[in-house]
Amino acid sequence: MNEFFNPHPHNTSRMLGLGHILSMVICFSIVIVIGYLLRNISSKKRRIIYQIIAIITLVLDPIYLLWEYFVTGTIHVPTSLPLYYCSIFILAAPVFAFSKPGSKINLLFRNYILTMNIICAVFGLVFLVHLNKYRMFHFVVIRSFFFHYLMVLMPSIIYFGEKPKLKLFDCFSFLIPASFIFIPAFIIDKVCGYDYCYFNGGRGTPVFMFAGKINSYLLFFLILLFFLVVTNLLINLPRYISKKYQFKIIKRENKEEFAEKK
């Protein structure tokens, strides 16, 4: 139990090691299965599940801050505030879960959860840098993994249960909820020299390995561009594949009908 909470464990795991990869495969499999199994429940029950996820999401960061304070004697402000890309979910989940279903704000935050949020969750699970410092079953790793798991669980339940039809505007609307984190992160980074949302270049993160010496503003622009491109693919690629498949079926049926007439 001491090792579970120990801030300086004797042994560490490895990011993208076998245990990490297996845990991601299990996570995504469970998320898909749960979403599928809950596809036919009533909207009222689904809304309760959203609210439970939102409440759990809200307490995970305070729990981490309490752990950090009691174990290390301080809160490491430069890295521990909820001002990361994934932190947007802390705001989006409760707003979506507790706002009036179908209202503009409800749909706005739902669209964020179905687009940018999924990308953030996948990257958060893949680049789980805590594994380079802690063991696989350490408190910090499990908390982080569980948080990102909830980030993909909620959209899975939405997709299977509500079958939302996203529009072109939804490819860009994620910027509105995201701005609630981007703006304070930018101000704090520039005033205090921190690096939330990589406004100071993503120092010490996997992003920095790829970005190198790119200007921090250009880096942020490239990250947003990446989100826009992938979000467009998330929305439009399944629709395009579905239309192509339906077109082939109609074409084949027309050929068969024409052959029968001959």
Protein backbone atom coordinates (compact mmCIF):
# COMPACT_ATOMS: atom_id res chain seq x y z
CA MET A 1 0.00 0.00 0.00
CA ASN A 2 2.93 2.33 0.73
CA GLU A 3 4.20 1.81 -2.82
CA PHE A 4 0.74 2.63 -4.15
CA PHE A 5 0.96 6.22 -2.84
CA ASN A 6 4.75 6.59 -2.76
CA PRO A 7 5.82 9.73 -4.73
CA HIS A 8 9.25 8.17 -5.34
CA PRO A 9 8.63 4.46 -6.07
CA HIS A 10 11.53 2.04 -6.28
CA ASN A 11 10.33 0.59 -9.59
CA THR A 12 8.72 2.25 -12.59
CA SER A 13 6.88 1.01 -15.66
CA ARG A 14 7.43 2.15 -19.23
CA MET A 15 5.21 4.19 -21.49
CA LEU A 16 4.06 2.04 -24.44
CA GLY A 17 5.38 -1.06 -22.71
CA LEU A 18 3.47 -4.35 -22.90
CA GLY A 19 1.38 -3.63 -19.80
CA HIS A 20 0.46 -0.18 -21.09
CA ILE A 21 -0.55 -1.45 -24.55
CA LEU A 22 -2.64 -4.30 -23.08
CA SER A 23 -4.41 -1.91 -20.71
CA MET A 24 -5.32 0.38 -23.64
CA VAL A 25 -6.67 -2.55 -25.69
CA ILE A 26 -8.78 -3.68 -22.72
CA CYS A 27 -9.93 -0.10 -22.08
CA PHE A 28 -11.13 0.55 -25.64
CA SER A 29 -12.77 -2.88 -25.82
CA ILE A 30 -14.71 -2.29 -22.60
CA VAL A 31 -15.75 1.20 -23.73
CA ILE A 32 -17.19 -0.14 -27.00
CA VAL A 33 -18.96 -3.04 -25.27
CA ILE A 34 -20.50 -0.78 -22.60
CA GLY A 35 -21.66 1.73 -25.21
CA TYR A 36 -23.23 -1.06 -27.25
CA LEU A 37 -24.93 -2.73 -24.25
CA LEU A 38 -26.44 0.58 -23.11
CA ARG A 39 -27.65 1.61 -26.58
CA ASN A 40 -31.32 0.83 -25.89
CA ILE A 41 -31.76 2.27 -22.39
CA SER A 42 -34.09 5.23 -21.90
CA SER A 43 -32.80 8.77 -22.33
CA LYS A 44 -33.53 9.41 -18.63
CA LYS A 45 -31.28 6.54 -17.52
CA ARG A 46 -28.62 7.59 -20.03
CA ARG A 47 -28.69 11.11 -18.62
CA ILE A 48 -28.17 9.73 -15.08
CA ILE A 49 -25.10 7.85 -16.33
CA TYR A 50 -23.77 11.07 -17.88
CA GLN A 51 -24.24 12.83 -14.56
CA ILE A 52 -22.45 10.08 -12.63
CA ILE A 53 -19.49 10.29 -15.05
CA ALA A 54 -19.48 14.08 -14.71
CA ILE A 55 -19.44 13.98 -10.89
CA ILE A 56 -16.61 11.42 -10.84
CA THR A 57 -14.69 13.57 -13.33
CA LEU A 58 -15.06 16.62 -11.09
CA VAL A 59 -13.54 14.90 -8.03
CA LEU A 60 -10.57 13.19 -9.71
CA ASP A 61 -8.39 16.31 -9.93
CA PRO A 62 -9.05 17.47 -6.32
CA ILE A 63 -8.18 13.92 -5.18
CA TYR A 64 -4.86 14.17 -7.02
CA LEU A 65 -4.14 17.61 -5.52
CA LEU A 66 -4.87 16.27 -2.02
CA TRP A 67 -2.52 13.33 -2.63
CA GLU A 68 0.21 15.66 -3.87
CA TYR A 69 -0.18 17.98 -0.89
CA PHE A 70 -0.24 15.29 1.82
CA VAL A 71 2.51 13.14 0.28
CA THR A 72 4.92 15.84 -0.93
CA GLY A 73 3.92 18.69 1.39
CA THR A 74 3.10 21.07 -1.47
CA ILE A 75 1.06 21.49 -4.63
CA HIS A 76 3.26 21.83 -7.70
CA VAL A 77 1.41 24.72 -9.35
CA PRO A 78 3.46 24.79 -12.60
CA THR A 79 2.20 21.32 -13.58
CA SER A 80 -0.75 20.33 -11.36
CA LEU A 81 -3.50 22.80 -12.28
CA PRO A 82 -6.34 21.47 -14.50
CA LEU A 83 -5.36 23.58 -17.50
CA TYR A 84 -4.38 20.92 -20.02
CA TYR A 85 -6.15 19.92 -23.23
CA CYS A 86 -7.70 16.95 -21.44
CA SER A 87 -8.87 19.24 -18.63
CA ILE A 88 -11.54 20.68 -20.93
CA PHE A 89 -13.49 17.48 -20.23
CA ILE A 90 -13.74 18.50 -16.56
CA LEU A 91 -15.81 21.46 -17.73
CA ALA A 92 -17.55 19.83 -20.70
CA ALA A 93 -18.84 16.70 -18.93
CA PRO A 94 -20.89 18.42 -16.17
CA VAL A 95 -22.18 21.18 -18.49
CA PHE A 96 -23.41 18.56 -20.96
CA ALA A 97 -24.74 16.19 -18.28
CA PHE A 98 -26.65 18.79 -16.24
CA SER A 99 -27.80 21.26 -18.90
CA LYS A 100 -31.20 20.96 -20.58
CA PRO A 101 -31.09 18.18 -23.21
CA GLY A 102 -31.23 19.60 -26.72
CA SER A 103 -30.44 23.17 -25.66
CA LYS A 104 -27.74 25.10 -27.52
CA ILE A 105 -25.23 24.86 -24.70
CA ASN A 106 -26.00 21.16 -24.24
CA LEU A 107 -25.38 20.42 -27.93
CA LEU A 108 -22.29 22.65 -28.01
CA PHE A 109 -20.57 20.74 -25.21
CA ARG A 110 -21.88 17.41 -26.52
CA ASN A 111 -20.22 18.14 -29.86
CA TYR A 112 -16.95 18.88 -28.07
CA ILE A 113 -17.17 15.56 -26.23
CA LEU A 114 -17.76 13.75 -29.52
CA THR A 115 -14.89 15.42 -31.38
CA MET A 116 -11.84 17.07 -29.83
CA ASN A 117 -12.38 15.27 -26.53
CA ILE A 118 -11.93 11.84 -28.13
CA ILE A 119 -8.65 12.92 -29.74
CA CYS A 120 -7.37 14.30 -26.41
CA ALA A 121 -8.40 11.09 -24.62
CA VAL A 122 -6.61 8.82 -27.10
CA PHE A 123 -3.43 10.89 -26.94
CA GLY A 124 -3.68 11.01 -23.14
CA LEU A 125 -3.93 7.22 -22.96
CA VAL A 126 -1.16 6.60 -25.48
CA PHE A 127 1.28 9.19 -24.12
CA LEU A 128 0.73 8.35 -20.46
CA VAL A 129 4.03 9.89 -19.33
CA HIS A 130 3.35 9.07 -15.67
CA LEU A 131 4.44 5.51 -16.51
CA ASN A 132 8.01 6.74 -16.92
CA LYS A 133 7.96 7.84 -13.29
CA TYR A 134 5.54 5.48 -11.52
CA ARG A 135 4.53 1.84 -11.57
CA MET A 136 1.56 0.61 -13.60
CA PHE A 137 -0.60 0.21 -10.50
CA HIS A 138 0.49 3.41 -8.77
CA PHE A 139 -2.18 5.86 -7.60
CA VAL A 140 -1.10 8.58 -10.08
CA VAL A 141 -1.18 6.22 -13.08
CA ILE A 142 -4.52 4.64 -12.18
CA ARG A 143 -6.14 8.04 -11.56
CA SER A 144 -4.88 9.39 -14.89
CA PHE A 145 -5.85 6.24 -16.77
CA PHE A 146 -9.33 6.20 -15.23
CA PHE A 147 -9.86 9.89 -16.08
CA HIS A 148 -8.99 9.31 -19.75
CA TYR A 149 -11.12 6.17 -19.72
CA LEU A 150 -14.14 8.28 -18.74
CA MET A 151 -13.26 10.66 -21.57
CA VAL A 152 -13.86 7.89 -24.12
CA LEU A 153 -16.67 6.16 -22.22
CA MET A 154 -19.06 9.13 -22.35
CA PRO A 155 -18.84 9.66 -26.15
CA SER A 156 -19.19 5.90 -26.67
CA ILE A 157 -22.50 5.92 -24.77
CA ILE A 158 -23.61 9.03 -26.70
CA TYR A 159 -22.73 7.57 -30.10
CA PHE A 160 -24.40 4.20 -29.53
CA GLY A 161 -27.44 5.53 -27.67
CA GLU A 162 -28.26 8.84 -29.34
CA LYS A 163 -26.74 8.23 -32.81
CA PRO A 164 -26.03 11.95 -33.24
CA LYS A 165 -25.75 13.44 -36.71
CA LEU A 166 -22.99 16.02 -36.56
CA LYS A 167 -22.87 18.87 -39.07
CA LEU A 168 -20.04 20.84 -40.65
CA PHE A 169 -20.21 23.57 -37.96
CA ASP A 170 -19.56 20.90 -35.33
CA CYS A 171 -16.05 20.48 -36.77
CA PHE A 172 -15.24 23.98 -35.50
CA SER A 173 -17.58 24.43 -32.53
CA PHE A 174 -15.21 22.56 -30.18
CA LEU A 175 -13.11 25.75 -30.09
CA ILE A 176 -15.79 27.47 -27.97
CA PRO A 177 -15.68 25.07 -24.97
CA ALA A 178 -11.91 24.74 -25.43
CA SER A 179 -11.45 28.51 -25.09
CA PHE A 180 -12.57 28.29 -21.44
CA ILE A 181 -9.27 26.48 -20.79
CA PHE A 182 -7.10 28.05 -23.51
CA ILE A 183 -7.60 31.64 -22.33
CA PRO A 184 -6.66 31.17 -18.62
CA ALA A 185 -3.86 28.76 -19.63
CA PHE A 186 -2.40 31.35 -22.01
CA ILE A 187 -2.57 34.14 -19.41
CA ILE A 188 -1.01 32.02 -16.66
CA ASP A 189 1.71 30.71 -19.00
CA LYS A 190 2.73 34.18 -20.12
CA VAL A 191 2.60 35.73 -16.64
CA CYS A 192 4.18 32.87 -14.68
CA GLY A 193 6.24 31.11 -17.35
CA TYR A 194 4.35 27.81 -17.07
CA ASP A 195 3.55 25.58 -20.04
CA TYR A 196 -0.11 24.63 -19.86
CA CYS A 197 -1.60 23.77 -23.30
CA TYR A 198 1.98 24.09 -24.65
CA PHE A 199 1.84 27.88 -24.95
CA ASN A 200 5.53 27.91 -24.06
CA GLY A 201 6.58 25.12 -26.40
CA GLY A 202 5.60 21.89 -24.61
CA ARG A 203 8.86 21.54 -22.69
CA GLY A 204 9.47 18.05 -21.29
CA THR A 205 6.46 16.50 -23.05
CA PRO A 206 6.11 14.11 -26.02
CA VAL A 207 4.93 17.14 -28.05
CA PHE A 208 8.34 18.76 -27.59
CA MET A 209 10.06 15.67 -29.03
CA PHE A 210 8.15 16.18 -32.29
CA ALA A 211 7.92 19.98 -32.29
CA GLY A 212 11.56 20.72 -31.48
CA LYS A 213 12.28 24.44 -31.68
CA ILE A 214 9.02 25.51 -33.36
CA ASN A 215 7.70 28.88 -32.18
CA SER A 216 5.15 28.32 -29.37
CA TYR A 217 2.40 30.27 -31.18
CA LEU A 218 3.00 28.31 -34.38
CA LEU A 219 2.96 25.10 -32.34
CA PHE A 220 -0.42 25.99 -30.84
CA PHE A 221 -1.76 26.83 -34.32
CA LEU A 222 -0.51 23.48 -35.68
CA ILE A 223 -2.14 21.64 -32.76
CA LEU A 224 -5.48 23.37 -33.46
CA LEU A 225 -5.10 22.60 -37.17
CA PHE A 226 -4.50 18.96 -36.28
CA PHE A 227 -7.68 18.91 -34.17
CA LEU A 228 -9.67 20.49 -37.01
CA VAL A 229 -8.44 17.96 -39.58
CA VAL A 230 -8.99 14.91 -37.37
CA THR A 231 -12.38 16.22 -36.20
CA ASN A 232 -13.45 16.59 -39.84
CA LEU A 233 -12.38 13.00 -40.46
CA LEU A 234 -14.28 11.78 -37.40
CA ILE A 235 -17.46 13.46 -38.63
CA ASN A 236 -17.28 13.09 -42.39
CA LEU A 237 -15.33 9.86 -43.06
CA PRO A 238 -17.99 7.47 -41.62
CA ARG A 239 -20.67 9.41 -43.51
CA TYR A 240 -18.66 9.21 -46.76
CA ILE A 241 -18.05 5.45 -46.35
CA SER A 242 -21.74 4.89 -45.59
CA LYS A 243 -22.82 6.81 -48.71
CA LYS A 244 -20.35 4.94 -50.90
CA TYR A 245 -21.59 1.62 -49.51
CA GLN A 246 -25.24 2.57 -50.08
CA PHE A 247 -24.41 3.78 -53.61
CA LYS A 248 -22.82 0.41 -54.44
CA ILE A 249 -25.88 -1.45 -53.14
CA ILE A 250 -28.25 0.73 -55.21
CA LYS A 251 -26.04 0.32 -58.28
CA ARG A 252 -25.97 -3.46 -57.87
CA GLU A 253 -29.76 -3.60 -57.39
CA ASN A 254 -30.27 -1.49 -60.52
CA LYS A 255 -28.03 -3.84 -62.51
CA GLU A 256 -29.95 -6.88 -61.27
CA GLU A 257 -33.27 -5.21 -62.08
CA PHE A 258 -32.05 -4.28 -65.56
CA ALA A 259 -30.81 -7.87 -66.16
CA GLU A 260 -34.19 -9.28 -65.13
CA LYS A 261 -36.01 -7.00 -67.59
CA LYS A 262 -33.74 -8.16 -70.40
